[in-house]
Amino acid sequence: MEIDPGLCLDVPEGFNDSDEESQVHPMARKLFPVATAAEAFRQAHEWVKENNVHLVDVSWKHVEGEPYRYELCVYFTFEPEPEDA
């Protein structure tokens, strides 16, 4: 699989993250803005099931008076393909 340069993490020249405790760990997030809490979890479940990702964390937001009152945010990393591992 070829890497899309537009999706890469830019790191300054000479940057050193070899210290085990402070290494850079690029991750992505996917938002699920919905009208009900149940719908947020249903959509997230379906999306994770269809994609080869490793869940890292989630966050939850509830806003009154908005059409999409709930927002589930899923933080993840991509799992390497078996031949890349």
N, C-alpha and C. Protein backbone atom coordinates (compact mmCIF):
# COMPACT_ATOMS: atom_id res chain seq x y z
N MET A 1 0.84 -1.18 0.00
CA MET A 1 0.00 0.00 0.00
C MET A 1 0.88 1.24 0.00
N GLU A 2 0.63 2.14 -0.94
CA GLU A 2 1.39 3.38 -1.02
C GLU A 2 0.86 4.39 -0.01
N ILE A 3 1.76 5.12 0.65
CA ILE A 3 1.37 6.10 1.66
C ILE A 3 1.03 7.42 0.98
N ASP A 4 -0.13 7.97 1.32
CA ASP A 4 -0.55 9.28 0.80
C ASP A 4 0.18 10.36 1.60
N PRO A 5 1.05 11.16 0.97
CA PRO A 5 1.81 12.18 1.71
C PRO A 5 0.92 13.21 2.39
N GLY A 6 -0.29 13.40 1.90
CA GLY A 6 -1.22 14.33 2.54
C GLY A 6 -1.76 13.82 3.86
N LEU A 7 -1.56 12.55 4.13
CA LEU A 7 -2.06 11.95 5.36
C LEU A 7 -0.94 11.61 6.33
N CYS A 8 0.26 12.09 6.07
CA CYS A 8 1.41 11.79 6.92
C CYS A 8 1.61 12.86 7.99
N LEU A 9 2.23 12.48 9.06
CA LEU A 9 2.55 13.40 10.14
C LEU A 9 3.83 14.13 9.80
N ASP A 10 3.79 15.48 9.77
CA ASP A 10 4.98 16.28 9.50
C ASP A 10 5.79 16.41 10.78
N VAL A 11 7.06 16.05 10.71
CA VAL A 11 7.96 16.11 11.86
C VAL A 11 9.14 16.98 11.47
N PRO A 12 9.52 17.94 12.33
CA PRO A 12 10.65 18.81 11.99
C PRO A 12 11.94 18.01 11.79
N GLU A 13 12.78 18.49 10.87
CA GLU A 13 14.05 17.83 10.61
C GLU A 13 14.86 17.77 11.91
N GLY A 14 15.46 16.64 12.18
CA GLY A 14 16.26 16.47 13.38
C GLY A 14 15.45 16.09 14.61
N PHE A 15 14.13 15.98 14.47
CA PHE A 15 13.28 15.60 15.60
C PHE A 15 13.64 14.20 16.07
N ASN A 16 13.79 14.02 17.36
CA ASN A 16 14.18 12.73 17.91
C ASN A 16 13.14 12.30 18.93
N ASP A 17 12.42 11.24 18.62
CA ASP A 17 11.44 10.72 19.58
C ASP A 17 11.84 9.32 20.06
N SER A 18 13.14 9.09 20.16
CA SER A 18 13.62 7.76 20.53
C SER A 18 13.42 7.45 22.01
N ASP A 19 13.17 8.47 22.84
CA ASP A 19 12.90 8.23 24.26
C ASP A 19 11.58 7.47 24.37
N GLU A 20 11.59 6.30 24.96
CA GLU A 20 10.42 5.43 25.00
C GLU A 20 9.19 6.11 25.60
N GLU A 21 9.38 6.99 26.58
CA GLU A 21 8.24 7.60 27.26
C GLU A 21 7.65 8.79 26.52
N SER A 22 8.34 9.32 25.53
CA SER A 22 7.82 10.51 24.84
C SER A 22 7.73 10.34 23.33
N GLN A 23 7.61 9.12 22.86
CA GLN A 23 7.54 8.89 21.43
C GLN A 23 6.24 9.45 20.85
N VAL A 24 6.29 9.85 19.59
CA VAL A 24 5.12 10.33 18.88
C VAL A 24 4.30 9.12 18.44
N HIS A 25 3.04 9.16 18.73
CA HIS A 25 2.14 8.07 18.34
C HIS A 25 0.99 8.68 17.55
N PRO A 26 1.12 8.78 16.23
CA PRO A 26 0.04 9.38 15.44
C PRO A 26 -1.24 8.57 15.55
N MET A 27 -2.33 9.27 15.71
CA MET A 27 -3.63 8.61 15.74
C MET A 27 -4.65 9.51 15.06
N ALA A 28 -5.78 8.95 14.79
CA ALA A 28 -6.85 9.68 14.11
C ALA A 28 -8.10 9.64 14.99
N ARG A 29 -9.10 10.40 14.59
CA ARG A 29 -10.36 10.34 15.30
C ARG A 29 -11.51 10.35 14.31
N LYS A 30 -12.60 9.77 14.72
CA LYS A 30 -13.82 9.71 13.92
C LYS A 30 -14.95 10.22 14.79
N LEU A 31 -15.72 11.19 14.28
CA LEU A 31 -16.84 11.76 15.04
C LEU A 31 -18.15 11.11 14.63
N PHE A 32 -19.01 10.89 15.60
CA PHE A 32 -20.35 10.36 15.36
C PHE A 32 -21.36 11.30 15.99
N PRO A 33 -21.75 12.39 15.29
CA PRO A 33 -22.77 13.30 15.83
C PRO A 33 -24.16 12.76 15.50
N VAL A 34 -25.00 12.58 16.52
CA VAL A 34 -26.30 11.96 16.33
C VAL A 34 -27.34 12.56 17.27
N ALA A 35 -28.59 12.17 17.08
CA ALA A 35 -29.69 12.68 17.89
C ALA A 35 -29.89 11.88 19.18
N THR A 36 -29.48 10.61 19.19
CA THR A 36 -29.66 9.79 20.40
C THR A 36 -28.35 9.10 20.78
N ALA A 37 -28.20 8.83 22.05
CA ALA A 37 -27.00 8.16 22.52
C ALA A 37 -26.88 6.75 21.92
N ALA A 38 -28.00 6.05 21.83
CA ALA A 38 -27.98 4.70 21.27
C ALA A 38 -27.48 4.71 19.83
N GLU A 39 -27.89 5.72 19.07
CA GLU A 39 -27.47 5.81 17.67
C GLU A 39 -25.96 6.02 17.56
N ALA A 40 -25.39 6.81 18.45
CA ALA A 40 -23.93 7.04 18.43
C ALA A 40 -23.18 5.72 18.60
N PHE A 41 -23.59 4.92 19.55
CA PHE A 41 -22.90 3.66 19.79
C PHE A 41 -23.15 2.66 18.68
N ARG A 42 -24.36 2.67 18.09
CA ARG A 42 -24.65 1.77 16.98
C ARG A 42 -23.77 2.11 15.78
N GLN A 43 -23.68 3.41 15.45
CA GLN A 43 -22.86 3.83 14.31
C GLN A 43 -21.38 3.51 14.56
N ALA A 44 -20.90 3.79 15.76
CA ALA A 44 -19.50 3.51 16.07
C ALA A 44 -19.21 2.02 15.98
N HIS A 45 -20.11 1.21 16.48
CA HIS A 45 -19.94 -0.25 16.42
C HIS A 45 -19.84 -0.72 14.97
N GLU A 46 -20.73 -0.24 14.12
CA GLU A 46 -20.71 -0.64 12.72
C GLU A 46 -19.43 -0.18 12.03
N TRP A 47 -19.01 1.06 12.31
CA TRP A 47 -17.81 1.59 11.67
C TRP A 47 -16.56 0.82 12.08
N VAL A 48 -16.43 0.54 13.37
CA VAL A 48 -15.26 -0.21 13.86
C VAL A 48 -15.25 -1.62 13.28
N LYS A 49 -16.43 -2.24 13.19
CA LYS A 49 -16.53 -3.59 12.64
C LYS A 49 -16.08 -3.64 11.19
N GLU A 50 -16.30 -2.56 10.43
CA GLU A 50 -15.97 -2.52 9.00
C GLU A 50 -14.54 -2.09 8.72
N ASN A 51 -13.83 -1.58 9.73
CA ASN A 51 -12.48 -1.06 9.51
C ASN A 51 -11.48 -1.75 10.43
N ASN A 52 -10.27 -1.92 9.94
CA ASN A 52 -9.22 -2.59 10.69
C ASN A 52 -8.49 -1.55 11.54
N VAL A 53 -9.10 -1.18 12.68
CA VAL A 53 -8.54 -0.14 13.54
C VAL A 53 -8.37 -0.67 14.96
N HIS A 54 -7.49 0.00 15.70
CA HIS A 54 -7.26 -0.29 17.12
C HIS A 54 -7.77 0.90 17.90
N LEU A 55 -8.82 0.72 18.71
CA LEU A 55 -9.37 1.82 19.49
C LEU A 55 -8.40 2.22 20.59
N VAL A 56 -8.16 3.51 20.72
CA VAL A 56 -7.24 4.03 21.72
C VAL A 56 -8.00 4.71 22.85
N ASP A 57 -9.02 5.49 22.50
CA ASP A 57 -9.78 6.24 23.51
C ASP A 57 -11.09 6.70 22.89
N VAL A 58 -12.01 7.14 23.72
CA VAL A 58 -13.26 7.73 23.26
C VAL A 58 -13.56 8.95 24.12
N SER A 59 -14.34 9.87 23.58
CA SER A 59 -14.85 10.98 24.37
C SER A 59 -16.31 11.16 24.01
N TRP A 60 -17.03 11.81 24.89
CA TRP A 60 -18.46 11.92 24.77
C TRP A 60 -18.88 13.35 25.04
N LYS A 61 -19.78 13.89 24.22
CA LYS A 61 -20.26 15.25 24.42
C LYS A 61 -21.78 15.27 24.26
N HIS A 62 -22.44 16.02 25.14
CA HIS A 62 -23.89 16.18 25.08
C HIS A 62 -24.19 17.67 25.07
N VAL A 63 -24.96 18.13 24.08
CA VAL A 63 -25.28 19.55 23.95
C VAL A 63 -26.79 19.70 23.81
N GLU A 64 -27.41 20.42 24.72
CA GLU A 64 -28.85 20.68 24.64
C GLU A 64 -29.15 21.69 23.53
N GLY A 65 -30.31 21.56 22.90
CA GLY A 65 -30.76 22.52 21.91
C GLY A 65 -30.15 22.39 20.54
N GLU A 66 -29.39 21.36 20.29
CA GLU A 66 -28.77 21.13 18.97
C GLU A 66 -29.49 19.97 18.28
N PRO A 67 -29.53 19.96 16.94
CA PRO A 67 -30.19 18.84 16.26
C PRO A 67 -29.47 17.51 16.52
N TYR A 68 -28.15 17.59 16.62
CA TYR A 68 -27.37 16.39 16.98
C TYR A 68 -26.87 16.61 18.40
N ARG A 69 -27.65 16.17 19.35
CA ARG A 69 -27.36 16.46 20.76
C ARG A 69 -26.21 15.64 21.33
N TYR A 70 -25.88 14.55 20.70
CA TYR A 70 -24.83 13.68 21.22
C TYR A 70 -23.70 13.57 20.21
N GLU A 71 -22.48 13.49 20.71
CA GLU A 71 -21.34 13.28 19.82
C GLU A 71 -20.36 12.33 20.50
N LEU A 72 -20.17 11.20 19.87
CA LEU A 72 -19.17 10.23 20.32
C LEU A 72 -17.95 10.41 19.44
N CYS A 73 -16.80 10.55 20.04
CA CYS A 73 -15.55 10.72 19.31
C CYS A 73 -14.67 9.51 19.61
N VAL A 74 -14.26 8.80 18.58
CA VAL A 74 -13.45 7.60 18.71
C VAL A 74 -12.04 7.91 18.23
N TYR A 75 -11.06 7.71 19.09
CA TYR A 75 -9.64 7.89 18.73
C TYR A 75 -9.07 6.51 18.42
N PHE A 76 -8.32 6.42 17.33
CA PHE A 76 -7.86 5.10 16.89
C PHE A 76 -6.55 5.21 16.12
N THR A 77 -5.92 4.06 15.98
CA THR A 77 -4.78 3.91 15.08
C THR A 77 -5.16 2.81 14.09
N PHE A 78 -4.52 2.83 12.93
CA PHE A 78 -4.78 1.80 11.94
C PHE A 78 -3.94 0.57 12.25
N GLU A 79 -4.55 -0.59 12.16
CA GLU A 79 -3.82 -1.84 12.35
C GLU A 79 -3.06 -2.14 11.07
N PRO A 80 -1.82 -2.59 11.19
CA PRO A 80 -1.05 -2.93 9.98
C PRO A 80 -1.66 -4.14 9.28
N GLU A 81 -1.56 -4.13 7.97
CA GLU A 81 -2.01 -5.31 7.20
C GLU A 81 -1.10 -6.48 7.57
N PRO A 82 -1.61 -7.71 7.54
CA PRO A 82 -0.78 -8.86 7.93
C PRO A 82 0.57 -8.94 7.22
N GLU A 83 0.61 -8.58 5.92
CA GLU A 83 1.89 -8.66 5.21
C GLU A 83 2.82 -7.52 5.61
N ASP A 84 2.30 -6.42 6.24
CA ASP A 84 3.13 -5.31 6.69
C ASP A 84 3.69 -5.55 8.09
N ALA A 85 3.08 -6.45 8.83
CA ALA A 85 3.47 -6.66 10.24
C ALA A 85 4.80 -7.36 10.36
